[in-house]
Amino acid sequence: MKTKILVRLLSDGGIHSGESLALQLGVSRTAVWKQIRRAIDQGVQIETIRGKGYRLAEAVDLLDGRAILARLAETEVGPDLERLSLSVFDSIDSTNAAVMRAESGPGIVPICIADRQSAGRGRRGRAWQSPPGQNLYLSLGLEFGGGFSALDGLSLVFGVGLAEALEELGLDDVQLKWPNDVFHDGRKLAGILVELQGELEEGRIQVVAGVGLNVHMVEAPDVDQAWTSLAKAEPERSWSRNKVAATVIASVLNACREFSHSGFEAFRDRWQRRDLFFGRPLSSAQGQLIGVGQGIDSDGSYLIESDAGVVTAVRAGEISLRAAP
């Protein structure tokens, strides 16, 4: 019996006796109790009410593949819905890794979403915090023509697609931190990890784009940087991970389609309008480059102007930029 099925039965907010749960699930009351304990160990807040049964202490926003596809059918990607191969997992090692393992035919877009990741990765191999039931971990497998040289600025395109999705959902003042983080009010809200798998055939490149987006998280004692979540940024809103996932998928796919036809230039101004670093004193992580942020150039490299007026273009992957103290 999957714990998710049990949690779904409890999601109406009512009190359910062990006997009624056992009848609905076709198992013993002992099996129900074991699944209750497992759910609690996974971070689900369940109250045991003596003589009555069990109740969720707080609402749980369950991921549902059918609900996500239904919302996608109402977007611009609806006519191409049959091209999307969506898999939703309770737990997985990494959504990027799952997409890389996926077997799909020509033109099919594998999409993996997970409630939690046991081996989630951020940029430069950093671990990604993945508490269950809190956030959104989503990866897409995409193909682009033109070879590697045509992919300049692609990671920034994903950032624009994610930012525009969040704005469509009602979040204001979304900021982009070069090369691939999304911020709100100066705090990290989401991260993007882009990995290239190589050429399928001459001129056709496989790309996996992973998004880690904080949705309901309000506590993260192990995170050592300023962070936020949709729930913290806009606590008065009711955030649904299924709605967020569908909106993000549609926006990113539309951005990729536009990038394939028009290149990075179509996104340059849209990225720069949200530039967290523009006009701010910056330094490299190693302190070797110091100056003021001047936005991005035509291939997505970041421009830093020194005190002497020398402008240096920094390519993604060379250094990690941070605001100077």
C-alpha atoms as a PDB file:
ATOM      1  CA  MET A   1       0.000   0.000   0.000  1.00  0.00           C
ATOM      2  CA  LYS A   2       1.463   3.331  -1.025  1.00  0.00           C
ATOM      3  CA  THR A   3       1.634   5.981   1.651  1.00  0.00           C
ATOM      4  CA  LYS A   4       0.424   8.521  -0.907  1.00  0.00           C
ATOM      5  CA  ILE A   5      -2.942   6.730  -1.212  1.00  0.00           C
ATOM      6  CA  LEU A   6      -3.428   6.898   2.550  1.00  0.00           C
ATOM      7  CA  VAL A   7      -2.535  10.583   2.654  1.00  0.00           C
ATOM      8  CA  ARG A   8      -4.983  11.224  -0.180  1.00  0.00           C
ATOM      9  CA  LEU A   9      -7.794   9.653   1.895  1.00  0.00           C
ATOM     10  CA  LEU A  10      -6.877  11.922   4.800  1.00  0.00           C
ATOM     11  CA  SER A  11      -6.628  15.023   2.609  1.00  0.00           C
ATOM     12  CA  ASP A  12     -10.286  15.986   3.178  1.00  0.00           C
ATOM     13  CA  GLY A  13      -9.269  17.238   6.636  1.00  0.00           C
ATOM     14  CA  GLY A  14     -11.671  14.949   8.502  1.00  0.00           C
ATOM     15  CA  ILE A  15     -11.022  12.329  11.182  1.00  0.00           C
ATOM     16  CA  HIS A  16     -10.745   8.794   9.804  1.00  0.00           C
ATOM     17  CA  SER A  17     -10.786   5.738  12.032  1.00  0.00           C
ATOM     18  CA  GLY A  18      -8.243   3.005  11.518  1.00  0.00           C
ATOM     19  CA  GLU A  19     -11.088   0.615  10.779  1.00  0.00           C
ATOM     20  CA  SER A  20     -12.575   2.795   8.019  1.00  0.00           C
ATOM     21  CA  LEU A  21      -9.166   3.322   6.435  1.00  0.00           C
ATOM     22  CA  ALA A  22      -8.480  -0.405   6.542  1.00  0.00           C
ATOM     23  CA  LEU A  23     -11.810  -1.126   4.824  1.00  0.00           C
ATOM     24  CA  GLN A  24     -11.197   1.432   2.084  1.00  0.00           C
ATOM     25  CA  LEU A  25      -7.679   0.187   1.457  1.00  0.00           C
ATOM     26  CA  GLY A  26      -8.405  -3.518   1.831  1.00  0.00           C
ATOM     27  CA  VAL A  27      -5.706  -4.064   4.454  1.00  0.00           C
ATOM     28  CA  SER A  28      -5.489  -4.684   8.174  1.00  0.00           C
ATOM     29  CA  ARG A  29      -5.570  -1.954  10.809  1.00  0.00           C
ATOM     30  CA  THR A  30      -1.990  -2.889  11.651  1.00  0.00           C
ATOM     31  CA  ALA A  31      -0.965  -2.185   8.052  1.00  0.00           C
ATOM     32  CA  VAL A  32      -2.739   1.182   8.270  1.00  0.00           C
ATOM     33  CA  TRP A  33      -0.844   2.040  11.449  1.00  0.00           C
ATOM     34  CA  LYS A  34       2.471   1.144   9.792  1.00  0.00           C
ATOM     35  CA  GLN A  35       1.674   3.406   6.845  1.00  0.00           C
ATOM     36  CA  ILE A  36       0.713   6.207   9.218  1.00  0.00           C
ATOM     37  CA  ARG A  37       4.102   5.896  10.898  1.00  0.00           C
ATOM     38  CA  ARG A  38       5.836   5.832   7.506  1.00  0.00           C
ATOM     39  CA  ALA A  39       4.006   8.980   6.403  1.00  0.00           C
ATOM     40  CA  ILE A  40       4.998  10.746   9.618  1.00  0.00           C
ATOM     41  CA  ASP A  41       8.632   9.689   9.107  1.00  0.00           C
ATOM     42  CA  GLN A  42       8.444  11.231   5.618  1.00  0.00           C
ATOM     43  CA  GLY A  43       7.385  14.562   7.081  1.00  0.00           C
ATOM     44  CA  VAL A  44       3.578  14.402   6.824  1.00  0.00           C
ATOM     45  CA  GLN A  45       1.942  15.916   9.906  1.00  0.00           C
ATOM     46  CA  ILE A  46      -0.718  13.426  11.075  1.00  0.00           C
ATOM     47  CA  GLU A  47      -2.555  13.645  14.404  1.00  0.00           C
ATOM     48  CA  THR A  48      -3.644  10.532  16.284  1.00  0.00           C
ATOM     49  CA  ILE A  49      -6.897  11.282  18.107  1.00  0.00           C
ATOM     50  CA  ARG A  50      -7.557   8.762  20.879  1.00  0.00           C
ATOM     51  CA  GLY A  51     -10.671   6.720  20.315  1.00  0.00           C
ATOM     52  CA  LYS A  52     -11.439   8.387  16.977  1.00  0.00           C
ATOM     53  CA  GLY A  53      -8.646   7.856  14.476  1.00  0.00           C
ATOM     54  CA  TYR A  54      -6.308   9.969  12.382  1.00  0.00           C
ATOM     55  CA  ARG A  55      -6.368  13.441  10.870  1.00  0.00           C
ATOM     56  CA  LEU A  56      -3.953  15.589   8.912  1.00  0.00           C
ATOM     57  CA  ALA A  57      -2.582  18.348  11.130  1.00  0.00           C
ATOM     58  CA  GLU A  58      -2.116  20.539   8.078  1.00  0.00           C
ATOM     59  CA  ALA A  59      -3.194  20.446   4.458  1.00  0.00           C
ATOM     60  CA  VAL A  60      -1.060  18.403   2.058  1.00  0.00           C
ATOM     61  CA  ASP A  61      -0.655  19.580  -1.513  1.00  0.00           C
ATOM     62  CA  LEU A  62      -0.424  16.269  -3.381  1.00  0.00           C
ATOM     63  CA  LEU A  63       1.126  15.993  -6.829  1.00  0.00           C
ATOM     64  CA  ASP A  64      -1.224  14.478  -9.417  1.00  0.00           C
ATOM     65  CA  GLY A  65      -0.136  13.743 -12.976  1.00  0.00           C
ATOM     66  CA  ARG A  66      -3.691  13.724 -14.296  1.00  0.00           C
ATOM     67  CA  ALA A  67      -4.392  17.139 -12.783  1.00  0.00           C
ATOM     68  CA  ILE A  68      -1.195  18.542 -14.299  1.00  0.00           C
ATOM     69  CA  LEU A  69      -2.058  17.200 -17.767  1.00  0.00           C
ATOM     70  CA  ALA A  70      -5.597  18.563 -17.490  1.00  0.00           C
ATOM     71  CA  ARG A  71      -4.215  22.035 -16.783  1.00  0.00           C
ATOM     72  CA  LEU A  72      -1.692  21.721 -19.595  1.00  0.00           C
ATOM     73  CA  ALA A  73      -4.527  20.909 -21.997  1.00  0.00           C
ATOM     74  CA  GLU A  74      -5.876  24.417 -21.317  1.00  0.00           C
ATOM     75  CA  THR A  75      -2.590  26.125 -22.238  1.00  0.00           C
ATOM     76  CA  GLU A  76      -0.888  26.884 -25.545  1.00  0.00           C
ATOM     77  CA  VAL A  77       0.846  23.492 -25.454  1.00  0.00           C
ATOM     78  CA  GLY A  78      -2.499  21.696 -25.298  1.00  0.00           C
ATOM     79  CA  PRO A  79      -2.522  20.722 -29.006  1.00  0.00           C
ATOM     80  CA  ASP A  80       0.887  19.064 -28.515  1.00  0.00           C
ATOM     81  CA  LEU A  81      -0.090  17.235 -25.338  1.00  0.00           C
ATOM     82  CA  GLU A  82       0.450  13.813 -26.918  1.00  0.00           C
ATOM     83  CA  ARG A  83       4.162  14.684 -27.311  1.00  0.00           C
ATOM     84  CA  LEU A  84       4.588  14.995 -23.534  1.00  0.00           C
ATOM     85  CA  SER A  85       5.557  11.902 -21.551  1.00  0.00           C
ATOM     86  CA  LEU A  86       4.887  12.859 -17.926  1.00  0.00           C
ATOM     87  CA  SER A  87       6.002  10.771 -14.936  1.00  0.00           C
ATOM     88  CA  VAL A  88       5.247  11.780 -11.329  1.00  0.00           C
ATOM     89  CA  PHE A  89       7.096  10.135  -8.449  1.00  0.00           C
ATOM     90  CA  ASP A  90       6.738  10.234  -4.676  1.00  0.00           C
ATOM     91  CA  SER A  91      10.529   9.995  -4.381  1.00  0.00           C
ATOM     92  CA  ILE A  92      13.372   9.631  -6.845  1.00  0.00           C
ATOM     93  CA  ASP A  93      17.128  10.073  -6.884  1.00  0.00           C
ATOM     94  CA  SER A  94      17.092  13.042  -9.264  1.00  0.00           C
ATOM     95  CA  THR A  95      14.525  14.241 -11.786  1.00  0.00           C
ATOM     96  CA  ASN A  96      17.325  15.174 -14.203  1.00  0.00           C
ATOM     97  CA  ALA A  97      18.756  11.670 -13.909  1.00  0.00           C
ATOM     98  CA  ALA A  98      15.291  10.160 -14.447  1.00  0.00           C
ATOM     99  CA  VAL A  99      14.831  12.123 -17.666  1.00  0.00           C
ATOM    100  CA  MET A 100      18.257  10.994 -18.864  1.00  0.00           C
ATOM    101  CA  ARG A 101      17.227   7.379 -18.244  1.00  0.00           C
ATOM    102  CA  ALA A 102      13.874   7.773 -19.984  1.00  0.00           C
ATOM    103  CA  GLU A 103      13.339   5.971 -23.264  1.00  0.00           C
ATOM    104  CA  SER A 104      11.301   8.099 -25.640  1.00  0.00           C
ATOM    105  CA  GLY A 105      10.708   8.233 -29.368  1.00  0.00           C
ATOM    106  CA  PRO A 106      11.430  11.076 -31.810  1.00  0.00           C
ATOM    107  CA  GLY A 107       9.667  14.313 -30.881  1.00  0.00           C
ATOM    108  CA  ILE A 108       8.624  13.063 -27.433  1.00  0.00           C
ATOM    109  CA  VAL A 109       9.373  15.343 -24.472  1.00  0.00           C
ATOM    110  CA  PRO A 110      10.012  13.338 -21.286  1.00  0.00           C
ATOM    111  CA  ILE A 111       9.017  15.229 -18.126  1.00  0.00           C
ATOM    112  CA  CYS A 112       9.737  14.023 -14.614  1.00  0.00           C
ATOM    113  CA  ILE A 113       8.241  15.538 -11.453  1.00  0.00           C
ATOM    114  CA  ALA A 114       8.951  14.327  -7.919  1.00  0.00           C
ATOM    115  CA  ASP A 115       7.672  15.103  -4.451  1.00  0.00           C
ATOM    116  CA  ARG A 116      11.206  14.713  -3.158  1.00  0.00           C
ATOM    117  CA  GLN A 117      14.706  13.871  -4.403  1.00  0.00           C
ATOM    118  CA  SER A 118      17.206  11.723  -2.542  1.00  0.00           C
ATOM    119  CA  ALA A 119      20.137  12.897  -4.665  1.00  0.00           C
ATOM    120  CA  GLY A 120      19.046  16.266  -6.016  1.00  0.00           C
ATOM    121  CA  ARG A 121      21.829  18.389  -7.445  1.00  0.00           C
ATOM    122  CA  GLY A 122      22.340  22.082  -7.857  1.00  0.00           C
ATOM    123  CA  ARG A 123      24.890  23.934  -9.941  1.00  0.00           C
ATOM    124  CA  ARG A 124      28.531  22.790  -9.594  1.00  0.00           C
ATOM    125  CA  GLY A 125      27.343  19.511  -8.011  1.00  0.00           C
ATOM    126  CA  ARG A 126      25.952  21.098  -4.855  1.00  0.00           C
ATOM    127  CA  ALA A 127      23.278  19.106  -2.980  1.00  0.00           C
ATOM    128  CA  TRP A 128      19.717  20.433  -3.310  1.00  0.00           C
ATOM    129  CA  GLN A 129      17.470  20.416  -0.219  1.00  0.00           C
ATOM    130  CA  SER A 130      14.366  18.315  -0.959  1.00  0.00           C
ATOM    131  CA  PRO A 131      11.948  18.073   1.977  1.00  0.00           C
ATOM    132  CA  PRO A 132       8.864  15.990   1.059  1.00  0.00           C
ATOM    133  CA  GLY A 133       5.536  17.652   0.335  1.00  0.00           C
ATOM    134  CA  GLN A 134       7.011  21.148   0.216  1.00  0.00           C
ATOM    135  CA  ASN A 135       8.486  22.040  -3.129  1.00  0.00           C
ATOM    136  CA  LEU A 136       8.508  21.266  -6.842  1.00  0.00           C
ATOM    137  CA  TYR A 137      11.268  19.267  -8.524  1.00  0.00           C
ATOM    138  CA  LEU A 138      10.754  19.119 -12.273  1.00  0.00           C
ATOM    139  CA  SER A 139      12.901  18.192 -15.276  1.00  0.00           C
ATOM    140  CA  LEU A 140      12.280  18.236 -19.026  1.00  0.00           C
ATOM    141  CA  GLY A 141      14.174  16.506 -21.835  1.00  0.00           C
ATOM    142  CA  LEU A 142      14.448  18.656 -24.956  1.00  0.00           C
ATOM    143  CA  GLU A 143      16.086  18.613 -28.367  1.00  0.00           C
ATOM    144  CA  PHE A 144      17.606  21.549 -30.226  1.00  0.00           C
ATOM    145  CA  GLY A 145      19.007  21.837 -33.716  1.00  0.00           C
ATOM    146  CA  GLY A 146      22.082  23.744 -34.854  1.00  0.00           C
ATOM    147  CA  GLY A 147      24.701  22.017 -32.717  1.00  0.00           C
ATOM    148  CA  PHE A 148      26.313  23.227 -29.494  1.00  0.00           C
ATOM    149  CA  SER A 149      27.132  26.645 -30.918  1.00  0.00           C
ATOM    150  CA  ALA A 150      23.426  27.422 -31.263  1.00  0.00           C
ATOM    151  CA  LEU A 151      22.784  26.959 -27.532  1.00  0.00           C
ATOM    152  CA  ASP A 152      24.417  30.176 -26.289  1.00  0.00           C
ATOM    153  CA  GLY A 153      22.212  31.728 -23.636  1.00  0.00           C
ATOM    154  CA  LEU A 154      19.939  28.688 -23.308  1.00  0.00           C
ATOM    155  CA  SER A 155      20.182  28.465 -19.507  1.00  0.00           C
ATOM    156  CA  LEU A 156      19.095  32.114 -19.337  1.00  0.00           C
ATOM    157  CA  VAL A 157      16.138  31.306 -21.596  1.00  0.00           C
ATOM    158  CA  PHE A 158      14.985  28.736 -19.057  1.00  0.00           C
ATOM    159  CA  GLY A 159      15.249  31.431 -16.375  1.00  0.00           C
ATOM    160  CA  VAL A 160      13.052  33.789 -18.392  1.00  0.00           C
ATOM    161  CA  GLY A 161      10.517  30.998 -18.982  1.00  0.00           C
ATOM    162  CA  LEU A 162      10.356  30.215 -15.257  1.00  0.00           C
ATOM    163  CA  ALA A 163      10.152  33.896 -14.289  1.00  0.00           C
ATOM    164  CA  GLU A 164       7.302  34.511 -16.729  1.00  0.00           C
ATOM    165  CA  ALA A 165       5.455  31.469 -15.363  1.00  0.00           C
ATOM    166  CA  LEU A 166       5.722  32.801 -11.810  1.00  0.00           C
ATOM    167  CA  GLU A 167       4.515  36.215 -12.931  1.00  0.00           C
ATOM    168  CA  GLU A 168       1.571  34.580 -14.698  1.00  0.00           C
ATOM    169  CA  LEU A 169       0.737  32.897 -11.383  1.00  0.00           C
ATOM    170  CA  GLY A 170       0.659  36.312  -9.699  1.00  0.00           C
ATOM    171  CA  LEU A 171       4.136  36.739  -8.199  1.00  0.00           C
ATOM    172  CA  ASP A 172       5.545  40.244  -8.681  1.00  0.00           C
ATOM    173  CA  ASP A 173       9.162  41.439  -8.763  1.00  0.00           C
ATOM    174  CA  VAL A 174      10.752  38.182  -9.892  1.00  0.00           C
ATOM    175  CA  GLN A 175      14.534  38.580 -10.207  1.00  0.00           C
ATOM    176  CA  LEU A 176      17.102  36.562 -12.165  1.00  0.00           C
ATOM    177  CA  LYS A 177      20.577  35.955 -10.802  1.00  0.00           C
ATOM    178  CA  TRP A 178      23.111  35.088 -13.482  1.00  0.00           C
ATOM    179  CA  PRO A 179      23.425  32.449 -14.707  1.00  0.00           C
ATOM    180  CA  ASN A 180      20.541  30.293 -13.507  1.00  0.00           C
ATOM    181  CA  ASP A 181      18.870  31.235 -10.208  1.00  0.00           C
ATOM    182  CA  VAL A 182      15.507  32.867  -9.603  1.00  0.00           C
ATOM    183  CA  PHE A 183      15.162  35.311  -6.710  1.00  0.00           C
ATOM    184  CA  HIS A 184      12.397  37.256  -5.021  1.00  0.00           C
ATOM    185  CA  ASP A 185      13.084  40.190  -2.703  1.00  0.00           C
ATOM    186  CA  GLY A 186      16.794  39.357  -2.761  1.00  0.00           C
ATOM    187  CA  ARG A 187      16.270  35.744  -1.659  1.00  0.00           C
ATOM    188  CA  LYS A 188      16.658  32.567  -3.681  1.00  0.00           C
ATOM    189  CA  LEU A 189      13.338  31.093  -4.799  1.00  0.00           C
ATOM    190  CA  ALA A 190      14.391  28.572  -7.450  1.00  0.00           C
ATOM    191  CA  GLY A 191      17.390  27.084  -9.178  1.00  0.00           C
ATOM    192  CA  ILE A 192      17.849  25.744 -12.694  1.00  0.00           C
ATOM    193  CA  LEU A 193      20.288  23.001 -13.686  1.00  0.00           C
ATOM    194  CA  VAL A 194      20.919  22.540 -17.413  1.00  0.00           C
ATOM    195  CA  GLU A 195      22.814  19.460 -18.577  1.00  0.00           C
ATOM    196  CA  LEU A 196      23.800  18.567 -22.146  1.00  0.00           C
ATOM    197  CA  GLN A 197      23.672  14.917 -23.150  1.00  0.00           C
ATOM    198  CA  GLY A 198      25.429  15.267 -26.483  1.00  0.00           C
ATOM    199  CA  GLU A 199      24.364  14.811 -30.049  1.00  0.00           C
ATOM    200  CA  LEU A 200      21.575  12.424 -30.979  1.00  0.00           C
ATOM    201  CA  GLU A 201      22.543  12.892 -34.590  1.00  0.00           C
ATOM    202  CA  GLU A 202      24.527  15.524 -36.408  1.00  0.00           C
ATOM    203  CA  GLY A 203      23.299  18.951 -35.357  1.00  0.00           C
ATOM    204  CA  ARG A 204      20.676  17.659 -32.863  1.00  0.00           C
ATOM    205  CA  ILE A 205      21.500  18.212 -29.182  1.00  0.00           C
ATOM    206  CA  GLN A 206      19.788  16.642 -26.180  1.00  0.00           C
ATOM    207  CA  VAL A 207      19.287  18.990 -23.237  1.00  0.00           C
ATOM    208  CA  VAL A 208      17.902  18.244 -19.785  1.00  0.00           C
ATOM    209  CA  ALA A 209      16.610  21.220 -17.805  1.00  0.00           C
ATOM    210  CA  GLY A 210      15.851  20.752 -14.125  1.00  0.00           C
ATOM    211  CA  VAL A 211      13.947  23.182 -11.918  1.00  0.00           C
ATOM    212  CA  GLY A 212      13.908  23.193  -8.125  1.00  0.00           C
ATOM    213  CA  LEU A 213      11.239  25.634  -6.914  1.00  0.00           C
ATOM    214  CA  ASN A 214      10.396  26.344  -3.265  1.00  0.00           C
ATOM    215  CA  VAL A 215       6.610  26.307  -2.929  1.00  0.00           C
ATOM    216  CA  HIS A 216       5.371  25.613   0.624  1.00  0.00           C
ATOM    217  CA  MET A 217       8.664  25.506   2.530  1.00  0.00           C
ATOM    218  CA  VAL A 218       8.809  27.859   5.519  1.00  0.00           C
ATOM    219  CA  GLU A 219      11.717  26.311   7.436  1.00  0.00           C
ATOM    220  CA  ALA A 220      15.097  25.113   6.161  1.00  0.00           C
ATOM    221  CA  PRO A 221      17.685  25.163   8.966  1.00  0.00           C
ATOM    222  CA  ASP A 222      20.339  23.460   6.815  1.00  0.00           C
ATOM    223  CA  VAL A 223      20.256  26.047   4.011  1.00  0.00           C
ATOM    224  CA  ASP A 224      23.173  28.472   4.373  1.00  0.00           C
ATOM    225  CA  GLN A 225      21.928  31.275   2.106  1.00  0.00           C
ATOM    226  CA  ALA A 226      19.002  33.676   2.053  1.00  0.00           C
ATOM    227  CA  TRP A 227      16.015  31.858   0.565  1.00  0.00           C
ATOM    228  CA  THR A 228      12.286  32.198   0.171  1.00  0.00           C
ATOM    229  CA  SER A 229       9.315  30.235  -1.158  1.00  0.00           C
ATOM    230  CA  LEU A 230       6.037  31.065  -2.857  1.00  0.00           C
ATOM    231  CA  ALA A 231       4.276  30.570   0.475  1.00  0.00           C
ATOM    232  CA  LYS A 232       6.652  33.000   2.208  1.00  0.00           C
ATOM    233  CA  ALA A 233       6.612  35.545  -0.611  1.00  0.00           C
ATOM    234  CA  GLU A 234       2.807  35.541  -1.001  1.00  0.00           C
ATOM    235  CA  PRO A 235       1.322  33.864   2.113  1.00  0.00           C
ATOM    236  CA  GLU A 236      -2.198  35.074   1.340  1.00  0.00           C
ATOM    237  CA  ARG A 237      -2.325  32.977  -1.834  1.00  0.00           C
ATOM    238  CA  SER A 238      -3.230  29.305  -1.983  1.00  0.00           C
ATOM    239  CA  TRP A 239      -0.427  27.709  -3.980  1.00  0.00           C
ATOM    240  CA  SER A 240      -1.145  24.439  -5.802  1.00  0.00           C
ATOM    241  CA  ARG A 241       1.913  22.489  -6.932  1.00  0.00           C
ATOM    242  CA  ASN A 242      -0.092  20.939  -9.781  1.00  0.00           C
ATOM    243  CA  LYS A 243      -1.061  24.374 -11.102  1.00  0.00           C
ATOM    244  CA  VAL A 244       2.475  25.687 -10.636  1.00  0.00           C
ATOM    245  CA  ALA A 245       3.930  22.651 -12.433  1.00  0.00           C
ATOM    246  CA  ALA A 246       1.585  22.975 -15.420  1.00  0.00           C
ATOM    247  CA  THR A 247       2.241  26.709 -15.734  1.00  0.00           C
ATOM    248  CA  VAL A 248       6.016  26.226 -15.541  1.00  0.00           C
ATOM    249  CA  ILE A 249       6.007  23.411 -18.108  1.00  0.00           C
ATOM    250  CA  ALA A 250       3.897  25.412 -20.569  1.00  0.00           C
ATOM    251  CA  SER A 251       5.999  28.551 -20.164  1.00  0.00           C
ATOM    252  CA  VAL A 252       9.335  26.754 -20.528  1.00  0.00           C
ATOM    253  CA  LEU A 253       8.174  24.808 -23.604  1.00  0.00           C
ATOM    254  CA  ASN A 254       6.907  28.013 -25.221  1.00  0.00           C
ATOM    255  CA  ALA A 255      10.214  29.735 -24.432  1.00  0.00           C
ATOM    256  CA  CYS A 256      12.170  26.857 -25.981  1.00  0.00           C
ATOM    257  CA  ARG A 257      10.038  26.976 -29.120  1.00  0.00           C
ATOM    258  CA  GLU A 258      10.684  30.715 -29.417  1.00  0.00           C
ATOM    259  CA  PHE A 259      14.406  30.218 -28.791  1.00  0.00           C
ATOM    260  CA  SER A 260      14.583  27.604 -31.563  1.00  0.00           C
ATOM    261  CA  HIS A 261      13.012  30.022 -34.039  1.00  0.00           C
ATOM    262  CA  SER A 262      14.444  33.374 -32.938  1.00  0.00           C
ATOM    263  CA  GLY A 263      17.589  32.665 -30.921  1.00  0.00           C
ATOM    264  CA  PHE A 264      18.712  34.287 -27.686  1.00  0.00           C
ATOM    265  CA  GLU A 265      18.249  37.881 -28.860  1.00  0.00           C
ATOM    266  CA  ALA A 266      14.476  37.503 -28.336  1.00  0.00           C
ATOM    267  CA  PHE A 267      15.156  36.966 -24.613  1.00  0.00           C
ATOM    268  CA  ARG A 268      17.990  39.379 -23.873  1.00  0.00           C
ATOM    269  CA  ASP A 269      15.859  42.373 -22.839  1.00  0.00           C
ATOM    270  CA  ARG A 270      13.412  40.149 -20.964  1.00  0.00           C
ATOM    271  CA  TRP A 271      16.283  38.711 -18.919  1.00  0.00           C
ATOM    272  CA  GLN A 272      17.897  42.095 -18.276  1.00  0.00           C
ATOM    273  CA  ARG A 273      14.660  43.621 -16.972  1.00  0.00           C
ATOM    274  CA  ARG A 274      14.898  41.128 -14.107  1.00  0.00           C
ATOM    275  CA  ASP A 275      18.687  41.265 -13.590  1.00  0.00           C
ATOM    276  CA  LEU A 276      19.452  41.021  -9.868  1.00  0.00           C
ATOM    277  CA  PHE A 277      23.064  42.134 -10.396  1.00  0.00           C
ATOM    278  CA  PHE A 278      22.655  45.170 -12.662  1.00  0.00           C
ATOM    279  CA  GLY A 279      24.391  48.270 -11.266  1.00  0.00           C
ATOM    280  CA  ARG A 280      25.594  46.424  -8.189  1.00  0.00           C
ATOM    281  CA  PRO A 281      29.208  45.965  -7.068  1.00  0.00           C
ATOM    282  CA  LEU A 282      30.240  42.381  -7.820  1.00  0.00           C
ATOM    283  CA  SER A 283      33.133  40.061  -7.289  1.00  0.00           C
ATOM    284  CA  SER A 284      33.932  36.553  -8.437  1.00  0.00           C
ATOM    285  CA  ALA A 285      33.714  33.767  -5.889  1.00  0.00           C
ATOM    286  CA  GLN A 286      37.529  33.792  -5.827  1.00  0.00           C
ATOM    287  CA  GLY A 287      37.718  37.580  -5.613  1.00  0.00           C
ATOM    288  CA  GLN A 288      39.772  37.803  -8.815  1.00  0.00           C
ATOM    289  CA  LEU A 289      37.287  39.978 -10.681  1.00  0.00           C
ATOM    290  CA  ILE A 290      35.708  43.065  -9.121  1.00  0.00           C
ATOM    291  CA  GLY A 291      33.423  45.610 -10.763  1.00  0.00           C
ATOM    292  CA  VAL A 292      29.844  46.693 -11.390  1.00  0.00           C
ATOM    293  CA  GLY A 293      27.208  44.560 -13.091  1.00  0.00           C
ATOM    294  CA  GLN A 294      26.312  45.767 -16.596  1.00  0.00           C
ATOM    295  CA  GLY A 295      23.882  43.091 -17.775  1.00  0.00           C
ATOM    296  CA  ILE A 296      24.433  40.476 -20.467  1.00  0.00           C
ATOM    297  CA  ASP A 297      25.753  40.503 -24.006  1.00  0.00           C
ATOM    298  CA  SER A 298      24.296  38.904 -27.123  1.00  0.00           C
ATOM    299  CA  ASP A 299      25.386  35.356 -26.196  1.00  0.00           C
ATOM    300  CA  GLY A 300      24.329  35.536 -22.545  1.00  0.00           C
ATOM    301  CA  SER A 301      27.742  36.234 -21.013  1.00  0.00           C
ATOM    302  CA  TYR A 302      27.663  38.573 -18.018  1.00  0.00           C
ATOM    303  CA  LEU A 303      29.361  41.979 -18.283  1.00  0.00           C
ATOM    304  CA  ILE A 304      31.339  43.495 -15.424  1.00  0.00           C
ATOM    305  CA  GLU A 305      32.844  46.972 -15.626  1.00  0.00           C
ATOM    306  CA  SER A 306      35.925  47.630 -13.510  1.00  0.00           C
ATOM    307  CA  ASP A 307      36.752  50.919 -11.811  1.00  0.00           C
ATOM    308  CA  ALA A 308      39.092  51.603 -14.734  1.00  0.00           C
ATOM    309  CA  GLY A 309      36.190  51.320 -17.173  1.00  0.00           C
ATOM    310  CA  VAL A 310      37.256  47.951 -18.603  1.00  0.00           C
ATOM    311  CA  VAL A 311      34.295  45.698 -19.398  1.00  0.00           C
ATOM    312  CA  THR A 312      34.869  41.949 -19.032  1.00  0.00           C
ATOM    313  CA  ALA A 313      32.463  39.328 -20.375  1.00  0.00           C
ATOM    314  CA  VAL A 314      32.074  36.312 -18.099  1.00  0.00           C
ATOM    315  CA  ARG A 315      30.753  33.082 -19.567  1.00  0.00           C
ATOM    316  CA  ALA A 316      28.566  30.702 -17.557  1.00  0.00           C
ATOM    317  CA  GLY A 317      30.638  28.028 -15.894  1.00  0.00           C
ATOM    318  CA  GLU A 318      33.786  30.121 -15.516  1.00  0.00           C
ATOM    319  CA  ILE A 319      32.997  31.833 -12.220  1.00  0.00           C
ATOM    320  CA  SER A 320      30.144  32.306  -9.816  1.00  0.00           C
ATOM    321  CA  LEU A 321      29.211  35.942  -9.293  1.00  0.00           C
ATOM    322  CA  ARG A 322      28.186  37.435  -5.975  1.00  0.00           C
ATOM    323  CA  ALA A 323      27.457  40.909  -4.715  1.00  0.00           C
ATOM    324  CA  ALA A 324      30.567  42.513  -3.265  1.00  0.00           C
ATOM    325  CA  PRO A 325      30.423  43.292   0.477  1.00  0.00           C
END
